[in-house]
Amino acid sequence: MIRYAKPTTVDEALALLGEDRWRILAGGTDFYPAQGAKPFRDNILDINGLAELRGIEETDEYWWIGARTTWTDIVRLPLPPAFDALKSAAREVGSVQIQNVASIAGNLCNASPAADGVPALL
């Protein structure tokens, strides 16, 4: 029997990852289509509720982009000109509906050759 978990903190998510094998669900725009009609075989760890993983912050040394940050977040945030290429890519990722839920980390981890955001992140 598979398990579904939706942790409320990163620490809770990490604890779950340490105890079993999980497929991570973030956004889900590629997760469900890739599954198709096949039954789920792996536990599902839904990280969509982890606010700690969403947003963009500037520190003294670097910029931090949370894994759950959506493409819409990137377009709407007041970012410096160094992020113009990323904002431009964010406007090209799928439809507006996809941009509203798809995560930046999902675009990277999915390893699609058509991943619009990857070149701007390099």
N, C-alpha and C. Protein backbone atom coordinates (compact mmCIF):
# COMPACT_ATOMS: atom_id res chain seq x y z
N MET A 1 0.84 -1.17 0.00
CA MET A 1 0.00 0.00 0.00
C MET A 1 0.90 1.25 0.00
N ILE A 2 0.55 2.19 -0.85
CA ILE A 2 1.34 3.42 -0.89
C ILE A 2 0.85 4.40 0.16
N ARG A 3 1.73 5.32 0.49
CA ARG A 3 1.40 6.36 1.46
C ARG A 3 1.38 7.71 0.74
N TYR A 4 0.53 8.60 1.22
CA TYR A 4 0.49 9.99 0.77
C TYR A 4 0.70 10.84 2.01
N ALA A 5 1.66 11.77 1.92
CA ALA A 5 1.90 12.66 3.04
C ALA A 5 2.02 14.09 2.53
N LYS A 6 1.48 15.02 3.29
CA LYS A 6 1.59 16.44 2.96
C LYS A 6 2.13 17.15 4.21
N PRO A 7 3.46 17.16 4.35
CA PRO A 7 4.05 17.77 5.54
C PRO A 7 3.79 19.26 5.59
N THR A 8 3.86 19.80 6.80
CA THR A 8 3.63 21.23 6.98
C THR A 8 4.92 22.00 7.25
N THR A 9 6.03 21.27 7.44
CA THR A 9 7.34 21.90 7.63
C THR A 9 8.39 21.14 6.85
N VAL A 10 9.49 21.82 6.55
CA VAL A 10 10.60 21.17 5.86
C VAL A 10 11.18 20.06 6.73
N ASP A 11 11.28 20.29 8.03
CA ASP A 11 11.80 19.26 8.93
C ASP A 11 10.95 18.00 8.88
N GLU A 12 9.64 18.16 8.83
CA GLU A 12 8.75 17.00 8.73
C GLU A 12 8.97 16.28 7.41
N ALA A 13 9.13 17.03 6.33
CA ALA A 13 9.38 16.42 5.02
C ALA A 13 10.70 15.65 5.02
N LEU A 14 11.73 16.23 5.61
CA LEU A 14 13.03 15.55 5.66
C LEU A 14 12.96 14.28 6.49
N ALA A 15 12.21 14.30 7.57
CA ALA A 15 12.04 13.10 8.40
C ALA A 15 11.37 11.99 7.59
N LEU A 16 10.35 12.35 6.84
CA LEU A 16 9.66 11.36 6.01
C LEU A 16 10.60 10.80 4.94
N LEU A 17 11.38 11.68 4.31
CA LEU A 17 12.33 11.23 3.29
C LEU A 17 13.36 10.27 3.87
N GLY A 18 13.69 10.43 5.13
CA GLY A 18 14.67 9.57 5.76
C GLY A 18 14.16 8.20 6.13
N GLU A 19 12.86 8.02 6.12
CA GLU A 19 12.31 6.74 6.57
C GLU A 19 11.79 5.84 5.46
N ASP A 20 11.65 6.36 4.24
CA ASP A 20 11.07 5.55 3.17
C ASP A 20 11.39 6.17 1.82
N ARG A 21 11.02 5.47 0.76
CA ARG A 21 11.19 5.98 -0.61
C ARG A 21 9.92 6.76 -0.98
N TRP A 22 10.12 7.96 -1.54
CA TRP A 22 9.01 8.84 -1.89
C TRP A 22 9.20 9.44 -3.26
N ARG A 23 8.12 9.68 -3.97
CA ARG A 23 8.11 10.56 -5.14
C ARG A 23 7.63 11.90 -4.65
N ILE A 24 8.38 12.93 -4.97
CA ILE A 24 8.04 14.27 -4.48
C ILE A 24 7.11 14.96 -5.46
N LEU A 25 6.01 15.46 -4.94
CA LEU A 25 5.02 16.19 -5.72
C LEU A 25 5.13 17.67 -5.38
N ALA A 26 5.50 18.47 -6.38
CA ALA A 26 5.61 19.92 -6.21
C ALA A 26 5.06 20.55 -7.48
N GLY A 27 3.92 21.16 -7.40
CA GLY A 27 3.29 21.72 -8.59
C GLY A 27 2.41 20.67 -9.25
N GLY A 28 3.03 19.62 -9.76
CA GLY A 28 2.30 18.50 -10.32
C GLY A 28 2.00 18.59 -11.80
N THR A 29 2.50 19.62 -12.48
CA THR A 29 2.15 19.80 -13.89
C THR A 29 2.74 18.72 -14.79
N ASP A 30 3.82 18.08 -14.37
CA ASP A 30 4.37 16.94 -15.11
C ASP A 30 4.16 15.64 -14.35
N PHE A 31 3.94 15.72 -13.07
CA PHE A 31 3.79 14.54 -12.21
C PHE A 31 2.61 13.67 -12.66
N TYR A 32 1.44 14.27 -12.77
CA TYR A 32 0.25 13.49 -13.12
C TYR A 32 0.24 13.04 -14.58
N PRO A 33 0.60 13.88 -15.54
CA PRO A 33 0.64 13.40 -16.93
C PRO A 33 1.64 12.25 -17.11
N ALA A 34 2.76 12.30 -16.42
CA ALA A 34 3.76 11.23 -16.53
C ALA A 34 3.22 9.92 -15.95
N GLN A 35 2.37 10.02 -14.96
CA GLN A 35 1.80 8.83 -14.33
C GLN A 35 0.79 8.15 -15.24
N GLY A 36 0.01 8.95 -15.97
CA GLY A 36 -0.99 8.38 -16.86
C GLY A 36 -2.01 7.56 -16.08
N ALA A 37 -2.45 6.47 -16.69
CA ALA A 37 -3.47 5.62 -16.08
C ALA A 37 -2.87 4.52 -15.21
N LYS A 38 -1.54 4.48 -15.12
CA LYS A 38 -0.88 3.45 -14.31
C LYS A 38 -1.17 3.69 -12.82
N PRO A 39 -1.25 2.61 -12.06
CA PRO A 39 -1.44 2.80 -10.62
C PRO A 39 -0.16 3.36 -9.99
N PHE A 40 -0.32 4.14 -8.94
CA PHE A 40 0.85 4.65 -8.22
C PHE A 40 1.55 3.49 -7.53
N ARG A 41 2.88 3.48 -7.61
CA ARG A 41 3.65 2.42 -6.97
C ARG A 41 4.53 2.94 -5.84
N ASP A 42 4.80 4.23 -5.86
CA ASP A 42 5.66 4.83 -4.84
C ASP A 42 4.84 5.71 -3.91
N ASN A 43 5.33 5.88 -2.71
CA ASN A 43 4.73 6.83 -1.79
C ASN A 43 4.81 8.23 -2.39
N ILE A 44 3.86 9.08 -2.07
CA ILE A 44 3.82 10.44 -2.61
C ILE A 44 3.99 11.43 -1.47
N LEU A 45 5.01 12.28 -1.61
CA LEU A 45 5.29 13.33 -0.63
C LEU A 45 4.94 14.66 -1.27
N ASP A 46 3.82 15.21 -0.88
CA ASP A 46 3.30 16.46 -1.45
C ASP A 46 3.88 17.65 -0.69
N ILE A 47 4.78 18.40 -1.34
CA ILE A 47 5.43 19.53 -0.67
C ILE A 47 4.80 20.87 -1.06
N ASN A 48 3.64 20.83 -1.70
CA ASN A 48 2.99 22.06 -2.14
C ASN A 48 2.65 23.02 -1.01
N GLY A 49 2.47 22.52 0.19
CA GLY A 49 2.11 23.39 1.30
C GLY A 49 3.29 23.97 2.07
N LEU A 50 4.50 23.70 1.63
CA LEU A 50 5.68 24.16 2.37
C LEU A 50 6.05 25.59 1.97
N ALA A 51 5.52 26.55 2.70
CA ALA A 51 5.79 27.96 2.40
C ALA A 51 7.27 28.29 2.50
N GLU A 52 8.01 27.53 3.32
CA GLU A 52 9.45 27.76 3.49
C GLU A 52 10.22 27.57 2.19
N LEU A 53 9.63 26.86 1.25
CA LEU A 53 10.31 26.56 -0.01
C LEU A 53 9.86 27.45 -1.16
N ARG A 54 9.16 28.52 -0.83
CA ARG A 54 8.63 29.39 -1.89
C ARG A 54 9.08 30.82 -1.67
N GLY A 55 9.54 31.45 -2.75
CA GLY A 55 9.94 32.84 -2.69
C GLY A 55 11.36 33.05 -3.16
N ILE A 56 11.75 34.30 -3.20
CA ILE A 56 13.11 34.69 -3.60
C ILE A 56 13.61 35.69 -2.57
N GLU A 57 14.82 35.45 -2.09
CA GLU A 57 15.40 36.34 -1.08
C GLU A 57 16.83 36.69 -1.45
N GLU A 58 17.22 37.90 -1.12
CA GLU A 58 18.60 38.33 -1.30
C GLU A 58 19.30 38.30 0.04
N THR A 59 20.48 37.69 0.07
CA THR A 59 21.32 37.71 1.27
C THR A 59 22.53 38.59 0.96
N ASP A 60 23.43 38.70 1.89
CA ASP A 60 24.65 39.48 1.65
C ASP A 60 25.54 38.85 0.58
N GLU A 61 25.42 37.54 0.39
CA GLU A 61 26.33 36.82 -0.50
C GLU A 61 25.68 36.25 -1.75
N TYR A 62 24.39 36.02 -1.74
CA TYR A 62 23.75 35.34 -2.87
C TYR A 62 22.24 35.59 -2.86
N TRP A 63 21.61 35.15 -3.94
CA TRP A 63 20.15 35.15 -4.04
C TRP A 63 19.69 33.72 -3.80
N TRP A 64 18.60 33.57 -3.05
CA TRP A 64 18.01 32.27 -2.78
C TRP A 64 16.67 32.21 -3.49
N ILE A 65 16.47 31.15 -4.30
CA ILE A 65 15.18 30.92 -4.97
C ILE A 65 14.64 29.61 -4.43
N GLY A 66 13.50 29.65 -3.79
CA GLY A 66 12.90 28.45 -3.21
C GLY A 66 12.43 27.47 -4.27
N ALA A 67 12.55 26.21 -3.96
CA ALA A 67 12.19 25.14 -4.90
C ALA A 67 10.73 25.21 -5.33
N ARG A 68 9.84 25.67 -4.45
CA ARG A 68 8.41 25.74 -4.76
C ARG A 68 8.00 27.07 -5.38
N THR A 69 8.96 27.92 -5.69
CA THR A 69 8.66 29.20 -6.32
C THR A 69 8.07 28.95 -7.70
N THR A 70 6.94 29.58 -7.99
CA THR A 70 6.30 29.38 -9.30
C THR A 70 6.84 30.39 -10.30
N TRP A 71 6.55 30.11 -11.56
CA TRP A 71 6.96 31.03 -12.62
C TRP A 71 6.22 32.36 -12.50
N THR A 72 4.98 32.32 -12.05
CA THR A 72 4.23 33.55 -11.82
C THR A 72 4.89 34.37 -10.72
N ASP A 73 5.37 33.71 -9.66
CA ASP A 73 6.09 34.43 -8.60
C ASP A 73 7.27 35.19 -9.19
N ILE A 74 8.02 34.55 -10.06
CA ILE A 74 9.21 35.17 -10.65
C ILE A 74 8.83 36.39 -11.47
N VAL A 75 7.77 36.27 -12.25
CA VAL A 75 7.33 37.39 -13.09
C VAL A 75 6.88 38.57 -12.22
N ARG A 76 6.19 38.30 -11.13
CA ARG A 76 5.58 39.37 -10.32
C ARG A 76 6.53 40.02 -9.31
N LEU A 77 7.57 39.33 -8.91
CA LEU A 77 8.46 39.89 -7.89
C LEU A 77 9.34 41.00 -8.46
N PRO A 78 9.59 42.04 -7.68
CA PRO A 78 10.47 43.13 -8.13
C PRO A 78 11.93 42.69 -8.01
N LEU A 79 12.45 42.16 -9.10
CA LEU A 79 13.82 41.64 -9.11
C LEU A 79 14.74 42.58 -9.89
N PRO A 80 16.03 42.57 -9.59
CA PRO A 80 16.96 43.44 -10.31
C PRO A 80 17.15 42.98 -11.76
N PRO A 81 17.75 43.83 -12.59
CA PRO A 81 17.93 43.51 -14.01
C PRO A 81 18.68 42.19 -14.27
N ALA A 82 19.48 41.74 -13.34
CA ALA A 82 20.20 40.47 -13.53
C ALA A 82 19.23 39.30 -13.71
N PHE A 83 17.98 39.48 -13.31
CA PHE A 83 16.97 38.43 -13.42
C PHE A 83 16.08 38.58 -14.65
N ASP A 84 16.38 39.52 -15.53
CA ASP A 84 15.53 39.76 -16.70
C ASP A 84 15.38 38.52 -17.58
N ALA A 85 16.46 37.77 -17.79
CA ALA A 85 16.38 36.56 -18.62
C ALA A 85 15.48 35.52 -17.97
N LEU A 86 15.57 35.39 -16.65
CA LEU A 86 14.72 34.44 -15.94
C LEU A 86 13.25 34.87 -16.01
N LYS A 87 12.99 36.17 -15.87
CA LYS A 87 11.61 36.66 -15.99
C LYS A 87 11.07 36.42 -17.40
N SER A 88 11.91 36.63 -18.39
CA SER A 88 11.50 36.39 -19.77
C SER A 88 11.18 34.92 -19.98
N ALA A 89 12.03 34.04 -19.47
CA ALA A 89 11.78 32.60 -19.57
C ALA A 89 10.50 32.22 -18.83
N ALA A 90 10.27 32.84 -17.68
CA ALA A 90 9.08 32.53 -16.87
C ALA A 90 7.79 32.80 -17.64
N ARG A 91 7.82 33.82 -18.49
CA ARG A 91 6.63 34.16 -19.28
C ARG A 91 6.38 33.15 -20.40
N GLU A 92 7.39 32.34 -20.73
CA GLU A 92 7.29 31.39 -21.84
C GLU A 92 6.97 29.97 -21.39
N VAL A 93 6.99 29.71 -20.10
CA VAL A 93 6.73 28.37 -19.59
C VAL A 93 5.25 28.07 -19.70
N GLY A 94 4.87 27.16 -20.57
CA GLY A 94 3.49 26.72 -20.69
C GLY A 94 2.48 27.85 -20.76
N SER A 95 1.29 27.55 -20.31
CA SER A 95 0.20 28.53 -20.27
C SER A 95 0.23 29.27 -18.94
N VAL A 96 -0.61 30.27 -18.79
CA VAL A 96 -0.70 31.00 -17.53
C VAL A 96 -1.08 30.04 -16.40
N GLN A 97 -1.96 29.09 -16.69
CA GLN A 97 -2.37 28.13 -15.67
C GLN A 97 -1.16 27.32 -15.19
N ILE A 98 -0.31 26.91 -16.11
CA ILE A 98 0.90 26.16 -15.76
C ILE A 98 1.84 27.07 -14.96
N GLN A 99 2.03 28.30 -15.40
CA GLN A 99 2.92 29.24 -14.71
C GLN A 99 2.49 29.46 -13.27
N ASN A 100 1.19 29.38 -13.01
CA ASN A 100 0.67 29.62 -11.67
C ASN A 100 0.97 28.49 -10.69
N VAL A 101 1.19 27.28 -11.17
CA VAL A 101 1.41 26.15 -10.26
C VAL A 101 2.75 25.45 -10.45
N ALA A 102 3.34 25.52 -11.62
CA ALA A 102 4.60 24.82 -11.88
C ALA A 102 5.72 25.44 -11.06
N SER A 103 6.55 24.58 -10.48
CA SER A 103 7.65 25.07 -9.65
C SER A 103 8.93 25.17 -10.47
N ILE A 104 9.77 26.09 -10.07
CA ILE A 104 11.05 26.27 -10.75
C ILE A 104 11.91 25.01 -10.58
N ALA A 105 11.87 24.38 -9.41
CA ALA A 105 12.65 23.16 -9.19
C ALA A 105 12.11 22.02 -10.04
N GLY A 106 10.81 21.96 -10.21
CA GLY A 106 10.23 20.92 -11.06
C GLY A 106 10.71 21.04 -12.49
N ASN A 107 10.85 22.27 -12.96
CA ASN A 107 11.36 22.50 -14.31
C ASN A 107 12.78 21.99 -14.45
N LEU A 108 13.57 22.14 -13.41
CA LEU A 108 14.95 21.64 -13.42
C LEU A 108 15.00 20.12 -13.26
N CYS A 109 14.26 19.60 -12.30
CA CYS A 109 14.34 18.18 -11.97
C CYS A 109 13.69 17.28 -13.01
N ASN A 110 12.74 17.80 -13.74
CA ASN A 110 12.07 17.00 -14.76
C ASN A 110 13.00 16.64 -15.90
N ALA A 111 14.04 17.42 -16.10
CA ALA A 111 15.07 17.17 -17.12
C ALA A 111 14.49 17.11 -18.53
N SER A 112 13.47 17.88 -18.79
CA SER A 112 12.90 17.93 -20.13
C SER A 112 13.81 18.75 -21.05
N PRO A 113 14.04 18.28 -22.27
CA PRO A 113 14.84 19.08 -23.20
C PRO A 113 14.15 20.40 -23.56
N ALA A 114 12.87 20.50 -23.28
CA ALA A 114 12.12 21.72 -23.58
C ALA A 114 11.94 22.60 -22.34
N ALA A 115 12.70 22.36 -21.29
CA ALA A 115 12.57 23.13 -20.04
C ALA A 115 12.98 24.58 -20.28
N ASP A 116 12.00 25.46 -20.34
CA ASP A 116 12.23 26.86 -20.69
C ASP A 116 13.08 27.63 -19.69
N GLY A 117 13.02 27.27 -18.43
CA GLY A 117 13.72 28.04 -17.41
C GLY A 117 15.17 27.68 -17.21
N VAL A 118 15.59 26.51 -17.66
CA VAL A 118 16.95 26.05 -17.37
C VAL A 118 18.04 26.97 -17.90
N PRO A 119 18.02 27.37 -19.17
CA PRO A 119 19.12 28.23 -19.66
C PRO A 119 19.28 29.52 -18.85
N ALA A 120 18.19 30.12 -18.44
CA ALA A 120 18.28 31.37 -17.67
C ALA A 120 18.82 31.15 -16.27
N LEU A 121 18.76 29.94 -15.77
CA LEU A 121 19.26 29.64 -14.43
C LEU A 121 20.76 29.31 -14.42
N LEU A 122 21.32 29.08 -15.59
CA LEU A 122 22.74 28.71 -15.64
C LEU A 122 23.65 29.87 -15.38
